Amino acid sequence: MTLAPGILIAAPRSGSGKTTVTLGLQRAFVRRGLRVRGLKSGPDYIDPAFHAAATGAPSFNLDSFAMPADLIRGYAAYAAGASDLVIAEGSMGLFDGVRAEVGQTGASADVAALTDWPVVLVIDVSGQAQSAAAVALGCARFDPRITVAGVILNKVASARHERLVRDGMARIGLPVFGALGKETGLILPERHLGLVQAGETADLDGRLDRLADAVTASVDLDAVLAAARPTLPAETRAAPGVLPPGERIAIARDEAFSFVYPHLEAAWREGGATLVPFSPLADEAPPEGCDACWLPGGYPELHTGRLAAAERFRAGMRRFAETRPVHGECGGYMVLGETLTGADGVEVPMLGLLPLRTSFAQRRMNLGYRIARLREPSALGPAGAELVGHEFHYATVLSEPAGALALAEVTDAEGAVQAGTGHRAGNVSGTFFHVVARRR
């Protein structure tokens, strides 16, 4: 069976406008009547929610460092089998990843090679003209596994500027599919982890339609569609390996708890689990009919007062944890702790189920892959299981007792031992990293 074609929207570096172009293309093709699926290369957990809003269909992450090749091919084939077009979005620069074997670096180029999707480069041409062609040529020739089909120019200053850049691209024989002005990137608001969450973005549908209007007016959609290639079929789709922690999983879901990988939830459902959402900000306790509870990441630092005052939530979580497993990731982990200090410098009590105090008043970026070998059984799996996750936050740990029970032994992608391994206390566990997949 021939699967739907796909393309990968990538860039030479971060901040070039990949997300803007990706969302504009996704919504523009949906408005043409195509069934479009989005996918995200790398561990970013914000962009897939925007893909889902733009296309009306779920978007999964594809990560060549954290996932085996057959899982990536399987998810790509799954998306292609349920759509007319797959528009995937890269992360960082096209070849940016960790030091690892070729094909397993986490770079967007690995995903393009595994799926056989051509790359459309988004190039921020501000401050340059013909020189942009040299950058594009380098991207096109750097990795023989991939094909760069063409470019979309971003932040074009004037008609003359566009002509000069196009002249450079003509010299290297690389098609220019379109050119966007500087104002297009202002349509979606940003915050410290990237875009403001999809669920919080005011008039999101209207913003996506305006992006689609700008892309439709400035990009040759027919040329982009013609550049897409059929997705390679996959014989099997390996499971992510993170088993559902229960048959009915209470999962916090509101503005404070929103970062959970869609592929993980899908795998739990395929494993027979039912996910039951509840809202801590609405002072809801985890439903009593559930046998596990999951607190995802998000922005609890923006809602410390409401969380501290949510007595039904706090009491319900404590009752739940007495008899059933509870796990928190990143923001959820901090809420499981004793206190959380917001950006305003005010320290407020949290659930007190894990022995740590955290703060956003003293900001420090923590970023990178995490490989964790579980010391203790928990909602993440049995003792000895090896998981791959990703950490991205600005929180600092103010204190944790010296004798606290560490959940796992954790290293980064290059094998360096990492502090802040997470904790386990009774039925409760938590980590700063978000689990992507299980290695063994």
Protein backbone atom coordinates (compact mmCIF):
# COMPACT_ATOMS: atom_id res chain seq x y z
CA MET A 1 0.00 0.00 0.00
CA THR A 2 1.31 3.45 -0.93
CA LEU A 3 1.24 5.73 2.06
CA ALA A 4 0.45 9.44 1.98
CA PRO A 5 3.37 11.70 1.09
CA GLY A 6 5.25 13.73 3.66
CA ILE A 7 7.69 16.59 4.00
CA LEU A 8 9.85 17.83 6.84
CA ILE A 9 10.01 21.56 7.55
CA ALA A 10 13.47 22.31 8.92
CA ALA A 11 15.95 25.17 9.21
CA PRO A 12 19.68 25.82 9.54
CA ARG A 13 19.18 27.06 13.11
CA SER A 14 16.61 27.66 15.83
CA GLY A 15 14.50 30.79 15.62
CA SER A 16 14.22 30.72 11.82
CA GLY A 17 10.43 30.42 11.76
CA LYS A 18 9.89 26.66 11.38
CA THR A 19 6.80 26.59 13.59
CA THR A 20 5.23 29.59 11.89
CA VAL A 21 5.69 28.04 8.45
CA THR A 22 4.67 24.56 9.57
CA LEU A 23 1.40 25.70 11.14
CA GLY A 24 0.60 27.97 8.22
CA LEU A 25 1.14 25.13 5.74
CA GLN A 26 -0.83 22.64 7.84
CA ARG A 27 -3.86 24.91 8.13
CA ALA A 28 -3.62 26.04 4.49
CA PHE A 29 -3.75 22.45 3.20
CA VAL A 30 -6.57 21.59 5.60
CA ARG A 31 -8.54 24.48 4.12
CA ARG A 32 -7.93 22.91 0.70
CA GLY A 33 -9.79 19.84 1.92
CA LEU A 34 -6.81 17.57 2.61
CA ARG A 35 -6.51 15.36 5.67
CA VAL A 36 -3.25 16.59 7.20
CA ARG A 37 -1.25 15.09 10.06
CA GLY A 38 1.52 16.88 11.90
CA LEU A 39 4.55 15.24 13.52
CA LYS A 40 7.39 16.79 15.52
CA SER A 41 11.03 15.79 15.31
CA GLY A 42 12.71 15.85 18.69
CA PRO A 43 11.43 16.04 22.26
CA ASP A 44 9.50 19.33 22.11
CA TYR A 45 6.12 18.89 23.82
CA ILE A 46 4.58 22.29 23.02
CA ASP A 47 4.49 22.25 19.21
CA PRO A 48 2.44 19.02 18.79
CA ALA A 49 -0.53 20.67 20.51
CA PHE A 50 -0.39 23.46 17.93
CA HIS A 51 -0.19 20.88 15.13
CA ALA A 52 -3.32 19.24 16.50
CA ALA A 53 -5.10 22.59 16.58
CA ALA A 54 -4.03 23.40 13.02
CA THR A 55 -4.97 20.03 11.54
CA GLY A 56 -7.68 18.64 13.80
CA ALA A 57 -5.66 15.43 14.28
CA PRO A 58 -3.14 14.25 16.90
CA SER A 59 0.57 14.93 16.41
CA PHE A 60 3.30 12.64 17.77
CA ASN A 61 7.01 13.15 18.45
CA LEU A 62 9.67 11.32 16.46
CA ASP A 63 13.05 11.21 18.21
CA SER A 64 16.01 9.29 16.79
CA PHE A 65 17.96 9.39 20.05
CA ALA A 66 15.16 8.30 22.36
CA MET A 67 13.27 5.99 19.99
CA PRO A 68 14.34 2.95 17.93
CA ALA A 69 14.16 3.32 14.16
CA ASP A 70 11.18 0.96 13.82
CA LEU A 71 9.15 3.06 16.25
CA ILE A 72 9.86 6.22 14.24
CA ARG A 73 8.96 4.52 10.96
CA GLY A 74 5.88 3.03 12.57
CA TYR A 75 4.55 6.35 13.83
CA ALA A 76 5.32 8.00 10.48
CA ALA A 77 3.46 5.23 8.64
CA TYR A 78 0.58 5.43 11.10
CA ALA A 79 0.20 9.17 10.45
CA ALA A 80 0.54 8.71 6.69
CA GLY A 81 -2.01 5.90 6.66
CA ALA A 82 -4.61 8.17 8.28
CA SER A 83 -4.06 11.25 6.11
CA ASP A 84 -3.50 12.70 2.66
CA LEU A 85 -0.37 14.61 3.66
CA VAL A 86 2.10 14.58 6.56
CA ILE A 87 3.80 17.86 7.43
CA ALA A 88 6.46 17.23 10.06
CA GLU A 89 8.38 19.92 11.89
CA GLY A 90 12.06 19.75 12.74
CA SER A 91 13.77 20.96 15.89
CA MET A 92 16.72 23.34 16.28
CA GLY A 93 18.97 23.21 13.21
CA LEU A 94 18.52 20.44 10.67
CA PHE A 95 21.64 18.54 11.79
CA ASP A 96 21.70 19.54 15.45
CA GLY A 97 21.68 16.68 17.93
CA VAL A 98 23.85 14.86 20.41
CA ARG A 99 27.12 13.04 19.79
CA ALA A 100 26.01 9.55 18.86
CA GLU A 101 26.06 7.10 15.97
CA VAL A 102 24.80 8.43 12.65
CA GLY A 103 21.04 8.04 12.57
CA GLN A 104 20.71 8.10 16.37
CA THR A 105 21.63 11.69 17.21
CA GLY A 106 18.13 13.11 17.71
CA ALA A 107 18.65 15.44 14.73
CA SER A 108 15.83 16.24 12.32
CA ALA A 109 17.97 14.91 9.46
CA ASP A 110 17.70 11.42 11.00
CA VAL A 111 13.92 11.56 10.79
CA ALA A 112 14.04 12.72 7.16
CA ALA A 113 16.37 9.83 6.32
CA LEU A 114 14.27 7.20 8.12
CA THR A 115 11.01 8.31 6.49
CA ASP A 116 12.35 9.37 3.06
CA TRP A 117 10.63 12.74 3.44
CA PRO A 118 12.21 15.62 1.52
CA VAL A 119 13.28 18.66 3.54
CA VAL A 120 11.89 22.15 2.97
CA LEU A 121 14.31 24.63 4.52
CA VAL A 122 13.01 27.74 6.24
CA ILE A 123 15.76 30.35 6.07
CA ASP A 124 15.73 33.56 8.08
CA VAL A 125 17.26 35.95 5.54
CA SER A 126 17.33 39.02 7.77
CA GLY A 127 20.76 40.63 7.57
CA GLN A 128 21.81 38.75 4.43
CA ALA A 129 20.91 38.33 0.78
CA GLN A 130 22.81 36.09 -1.69
CA SER A 131 24.79 34.62 1.21
CA ALA A 132 21.65 32.75 2.26
CA ALA A 133 22.22 30.50 -0.75
CA ALA A 134 25.58 29.41 0.66
CA VAL A 135 23.86 28.32 3.86
CA ALA A 136 21.19 26.44 1.89
CA LEU A 137 23.82 24.77 -0.29
CA GLY A 138 25.70 23.60 2.78
CA CYS A 139 22.52 22.07 4.20
CA ALA A 140 21.74 20.37 0.89
CA ARG A 141 25.20 18.76 0.62
CA PHE A 142 26.09 18.05 4.25
CA ASP A 143 24.26 14.72 4.60
CA PRO A 144 23.86 12.42 1.56
CA ARG A 145 21.01 10.54 3.28
CA ILE A 146 18.55 13.41 2.78
CA THR A 147 17.11 15.55 -0.01
CA VAL A 148 16.53 19.28 0.35
CA ALA A 149 13.64 19.95 -2.04
CA GLY A 150 13.57 23.74 -1.75
CA VAL A 151 13.45 26.72 0.55
CA ILE A 152 10.95 29.13 2.05
CA LEU A 153 12.42 32.53 2.84
CA ASN A 154 11.44 34.20 6.11
CA LYS A 155 11.77 37.77 7.38
CA VAL A 156 12.14 39.26 3.92
CA ALA A 157 12.50 43.04 4.23
CA SER A 158 11.43 44.23 0.77
CA ALA A 159 10.80 43.21 -2.84
CA ARG A 160 14.41 44.11 -3.69
CA HIS A 161 15.68 42.00 -0.79
CA GLU A 162 13.64 39.05 -2.04
CA ARG A 163 15.01 39.41 -5.58
CA LEU A 164 18.59 39.36 -4.31
CA VAL A 165 18.01 36.24 -2.22
CA ARG A 166 16.24 34.50 -5.08
CA ASP A 167 19.20 35.29 -7.36
CA GLY A 168 21.49 33.48 -4.94
CA MET A 169 19.21 30.44 -4.78
CA ALA A 170 19.00 30.35 -8.59
CA ARG A 171 22.82 30.09 -8.73
CA ILE A 172 22.72 26.85 -6.74
CA GLY A 173 19.61 25.51 -8.46
CA LEU A 174 17.46 25.31 -5.32
CA PRO A 175 13.77 26.18 -5.77
CA VAL A 176 12.28 28.99 -3.71
CA PHE A 177 8.76 27.95 -2.74
CA GLY A 178 7.86 31.30 -1.22
CA ALA A 179 8.87 34.30 0.87
CA LEU A 180 7.33 35.66 4.08
CA GLY A 181 7.74 39.12 5.57
CA LYS A 182 8.84 39.97 9.09
CA GLU A 183 5.32 40.54 10.39
CA THR A 184 4.21 36.90 9.95
CA GLY A 185 6.18 35.72 12.96
CA LEU A 186 4.28 38.05 15.30
CA ILE A 187 1.01 36.13 15.04
CA LEU A 188 1.74 33.61 17.84
CA PRO A 189 2.81 34.78 21.34
CA GLU A 190 5.87 33.32 23.09
CA ARG A 191 6.89 32.49 26.66
CA HIS A 192 10.03 31.16 28.35
CA LEU A 193 9.73 27.56 27.06
CA GLY A 194 8.74 28.67 23.56
CA LEU A 195 5.24 29.40 22.35
CA VAL A 196 2.48 30.05 24.86
CA GLN A 197 0.58 26.77 25.12
CA ALA A 198 -2.03 26.07 22.49
CA GLY A 199 -4.78 25.85 25.09
CA GLU A 200 -3.88 29.28 26.47
CA THR A 201 -3.47 31.14 23.18
CA ALA A 202 -6.33 33.58 22.74
CA ASP A 203 -8.27 33.19 19.47
CA LEU A 204 -6.03 30.32 18.38
CA ASP A 205 -8.21 29.37 15.42
CA GLY A 206 -8.18 32.94 14.20
CA ARG A 207 -4.41 33.15 14.58
CA LEU A 208 -3.92 29.89 12.68
CA ASP A 209 -6.18 31.13 9.91
CA ARG A 210 -4.14 34.33 9.66
CA LEU A 211 -0.98 32.25 9.39
CA ALA A 212 -2.63 30.19 6.66
CA ASP A 213 -3.67 33.39 4.86
CA ALA A 214 -0.08 34.67 4.95
CA VAL A 215 1.36 31.36 3.75
CA THR A 216 -1.25 30.95 1.02
CA ALA A 217 -0.50 34.44 -0.27
CA SER A 218 3.28 34.03 -0.19
CA VAL A 219 4.07 30.34 -0.77
CA ASP A 220 3.46 28.14 -3.83
CA LEU A 221 1.39 25.45 -2.14
CA ASP A 222 1.23 23.33 -5.30
CA ALA A 223 5.04 23.24 -5.47
CA VAL A 224 5.28 22.23 -1.81
CA LEU A 225 2.74 19.45 -2.32
CA ALA A 226 4.53 18.23 -5.44
CA ALA A 227 7.80 18.07 -3.48
CA ALA A 228 6.38 15.66 -0.87
CA ARG A 229 7.27 11.98 -1.25
CA PRO A 230 5.33 8.87 -0.21
CA THR A 231 6.16 7.78 3.32
CA LEU A 232 8.14 4.56 3.61
CA PRO A 233 6.03 1.66 4.86
CA ALA A 234 6.77 0.06 8.22
CA GLU A 235 6.33 -3.64 8.90
CA THR A 236 5.89 -3.17 12.64
CA ARG A 237 5.63 -0.36 15.14
CA ALA A 238 7.60 -1.03 18.29
CA ALA A 239 5.83 0.03 21.47
CA PRO A 240 7.33 2.94 23.42
CA GLY A 241 7.72 0.44 26.24
CA VAL A 242 6.40 2.69 29.01
CA LEU A 243 3.61 0.52 30.32
CA PRO A 244 0.42 2.15 31.57
CA PRO A 245 0.72 2.58 35.35
CA GLY A 246 -2.87 1.39 35.80
CA GLU A 247 -6.08 0.42 34.05
CA ARG A 248 -7.74 3.76 34.85
CA ILE A 249 -5.27 6.63 35.04
CA ALA A 250 -6.28 9.91 36.63
CA ILE A 251 -4.36 12.56 34.67
CA ALA A 252 -4.22 16.23 35.68
CA ARG A 253 -5.16 18.44 32.75
CA ASP A 254 -5.50 22.22 32.86
CA GLU A 255 -3.36 25.33 32.38
CA ALA A 256 -0.93 24.20 35.09
CA PHE A 257 -0.60 20.58 33.86
CA SER A 258 -0.48 20.22 30.11
CA PHE A 259 2.85 18.73 28.96
CA VAL A 260 2.54 15.01 28.29
CA TYR A 261 3.73 13.30 25.13
CA PRO A 262 0.77 12.39 22.90
CA HIS A 263 2.44 9.15 21.79
CA LEU A 264 2.69 8.07 25.42
CA GLU A 265 -1.03 8.59 26.02
CA ALA A 266 -1.80 6.76 22.77
CA ALA A 267 0.37 3.82 23.84
CA TRP A 268 -1.39 3.64 27.19
CA ARG A 269 -4.75 3.54 25.46
CA GLU A 270 -3.50 0.84 23.09
CA GLY A 271 -2.39 -1.05 26.20
CA GLY A 272 -5.98 -1.05 27.46
CA ALA A 273 -5.84 1.90 29.84
CA THR A 274 -8.49 4.58 30.22
CA LEU A 275 -7.34 8.15 30.90
CA VAL A 276 -9.60 10.17 33.21
CA PRO A 277 -8.78 13.91 33.28
CA PHE A 278 -9.22 16.12 36.32
CA SER A 279 -8.32 19.74 37.04
CA PRO A 280 -6.28 20.70 40.13
CA LEU A 281 -6.87 24.38 39.33
CA ALA A 282 -10.60 23.72 39.58
CA ASP A 283 -9.87 22.13 42.99
CA GLU A 284 -10.73 18.63 41.75
CA ALA A 285 -9.30 15.53 43.41
CA PRO A 286 -8.19 12.52 41.33
CA PRO A 287 -11.29 10.39 40.69
CA GLU A 288 -11.64 7.57 43.20
CA GLY A 289 -12.40 5.01 40.47
CA CYS A 290 -8.83 5.28 39.19
CA ASP A 291 -5.91 3.07 40.18
CA ALA A 292 -3.02 5.43 39.26
CA CYS A 293 -2.47 9.18 39.04
CA TRP A 294 -0.20 11.16 36.71
CA LEU A 295 0.69 14.83 37.15
CA PRO A 296 2.20 16.06 33.86
CA GLY A 297 4.46 19.04 33.42
CA GLY A 298 3.23 22.51 32.61
CA TYR A 299 3.38 25.90 34.26
CA PRO A 300 2.48 25.42 37.93
CA GLU A 301 4.76 28.37 38.77
CA LEU A 302 2.15 30.65 37.22
CA HIS A 303 -0.60 29.27 39.47
CA THR A 304 1.08 28.71 42.85
CA GLY A 305 -1.57 30.59 44.84
CA ARG A 306 -4.49 28.65 43.34
CA LEU A 307 -2.74 25.31 43.80
CA ALA A 308 -1.88 26.09 47.42
CA ALA A 309 -5.52 27.03 48.09
CA ALA A 310 -7.01 23.96 46.35
CA GLU A 311 -7.89 22.03 49.49
CA ARG A 312 -10.00 19.30 47.81
CA PHE A 313 -7.17 18.62 45.36
CA ARG A 314 -4.55 18.53 48.12
CA ALA A 315 -6.54 16.27 50.43
CA GLY A 316 -7.63 14.01 47.56
CA MET A 317 -4.04 13.56 46.36
CA ARG A 318 -2.88 12.58 49.82
CA ARG A 319 -5.67 10.01 50.18
CA PHE A 320 -4.96 8.64 46.72
CA ALA A 321 -1.22 8.29 47.40
CA GLU A 322 -1.83 6.19 50.50
CA THR A 323 -2.91 3.19 48.42
CA ARG A 324 -2.15 3.84 44.73
CA PRO A 325 0.81 4.94 42.57
CA VAL A 326 1.28 8.64 41.80
CA HIS A 327 3.88 10.06 39.44
CA GLY A 328 4.79 13.63 38.57
CA GLU A 329 6.88 14.90 35.65
CA CYS A 330 8.70 18.24 35.86
CA GLY A 331 5.95 20.67 36.93
CA GLY A 332 4.01 17.77 38.40
CA TYR A 333 7.13 16.67 40.28
CA MET A 334 7.50 20.13 41.81
CA VAL A 335 3.87 20.18 42.91
CA LEU A 336 4.43 16.84 44.66
CA GLY A 337 7.17 18.53 46.69
CA GLU A 338 6.92 20.46 49.93
CA THR A 339 6.97 24.03 48.60
CA LEU A 340 7.20 25.92 45.30
CA THR A 341 8.47 29.48 44.97
CA GLY A 342 7.02 31.38 42.04
CA ALA A 343 8.71 34.03 39.93
CA ASP A 344 7.37 36.60 42.42
CA GLY A 345 9.63 35.14 45.11
CA VAL A 346 6.74 33.94 47.30
CA GLU A 347 7.13 30.42 48.65
CA VAL A 348 3.86 28.50 49.06
CA PRO A 349 3.10 24.97 50.30
CA MET A 350 2.55 22.19 47.79
CA LEU A 351 1.44 18.58 48.37
CA GLY A 352 4.35 17.51 50.59
CA LEU A 353 4.40 13.99 49.14
CA LEU A 354 8.06 14.19 48.03
CA PRO A 355 10.98 15.73 49.99
CA LEU A 356 12.04 18.73 47.90
CA ARG A 357 11.54 22.49 47.70
CA THR A 358 11.80 24.16 44.30
CA SER A 359 11.91 27.72 43.01
CA PHE A 360 11.42 29.76 39.86
CA ALA A 361 12.71 32.91 41.55
CA GLN A 362 16.25 31.58 41.06
CA ARG A 363 16.10 30.63 37.39
CA ARG A 364 18.58 28.25 35.77
CA MET A 365 17.98 26.46 32.49
CA ASN A 366 18.16 22.66 32.62
CA LEU A 367 18.08 21.08 29.18
CA GLY A 368 18.94 17.75 27.61
CA TYR A 369 18.24 14.06 27.22
CA ARG A 370 18.20 11.88 30.31
CA ILE A 371 18.85 8.13 30.44
CA ALA A 372 17.47 6.71 33.66
CA ARG A 373 17.89 3.27 35.19
CA LEU A 374 15.20 2.83 37.83
CA ARG A 375 16.49 1.91 41.27
CA GLU A 376 13.02 1.29 42.62
CA PRO A 377 9.73 0.10 41.15
CA SER A 378 7.34 2.96 40.47
CA ALA A 379 4.65 4.12 38.09
CA LEU A 380 7.41 4.36 35.45
CA GLY A 381 8.14 0.64 35.56
CA PRO A 382 9.96 -2.10 37.47
CA ALA A 383 13.35 -1.71 39.12
CA GLY A 384 16.12 -2.02 36.55
CA ALA A 385 14.09 -0.63 33.65
CA GLU A 386 16.03 1.82 31.49
CA LEU A 387 14.12 4.85 30.21
CA VAL A 388 15.00 7.72 27.90
CA GLY A 389 13.50 11.10 28.65
CA HIS A 390 14.10 14.79 28.14
CA GLU A 391 14.43 17.65 30.60
CA PHE A 392 13.70 21.32 29.86
CA HIS A 393 12.91 23.72 32.69
CA TYR A 394 14.16 26.77 34.57
CA ALA A 395 13.48 25.63 38.13
CA THR A 396 16.07 25.18 40.84
CA VAL A 397 15.99 22.82 43.81
CA LEU A 398 16.29 24.78 47.05
CA SER A 399 16.66 21.79 49.34
CA GLU A 400 16.25 18.04 49.56
CA PRO A 401 17.19 15.82 52.49
CA ALA A 402 20.47 13.95 52.20
CA GLY A 403 18.81 10.61 52.86
CA ALA A 404 16.00 10.98 50.32
CA LEU A 405 15.35 7.89 48.21
CA ALA A 406 16.55 8.55 44.64
CA LEU A 407 14.26 7.06 42.01
CA ALA A 408 16.90 6.36 39.38
CA GLU A 409 20.50 6.57 38.30
CA VAL A 410 20.54 9.21 35.57
CA THR A 411 23.05 10.23 32.93
CA ASP A 412 22.89 12.65 30.03
CA ALA A 413 23.24 11.64 26.37
CA GLU A 414 27.04 11.46 26.68
CA GLY A 415 27.05 9.39 29.86
CA ALA A 416 27.74 12.16 32.38
CA VAL A 417 26.04 11.49 35.72
CA GLN A 418 23.24 13.95 36.45
CA ALA A 419 22.08 15.27 39.79
CA GLY A 420 18.37 15.60 40.48
CA THR A 421 17.52 11.99 39.72
CA GLY A 422 13.97 12.20 40.98
CA HIS A 423 12.51 10.76 44.17
CA ARG A 424 10.32 7.97 45.42
CA ALA A 425 8.46 7.95 48.71
CA GLY A 426 6.01 5.11 49.22
CA ASN A 427 3.64 5.04 46.26
CA VAL A 428 4.76 8.47 45.03
CA SER A 429 7.50 9.16 42.50
CA GLY A 430 8.64 12.12 40.45
CA THR A 431 11.29 13.26 37.98
CA PHE A 432 12.29 16.47 36.24
CA PHE A 433 12.52 14.60 32.93
CA HIS A 434 9.59 13.66 30.72
CA VAL A 435 9.70 10.01 29.64
CA VAL A 436 9.87 9.46 25.86
CA ALA A 437 10.48 5.71 25.56
CA ARG A 438 11.86 2.67 27.34
CA ARG A 439 15.10 1.05 26.17
CA ARG A 440 14.84 -2.14 28.18
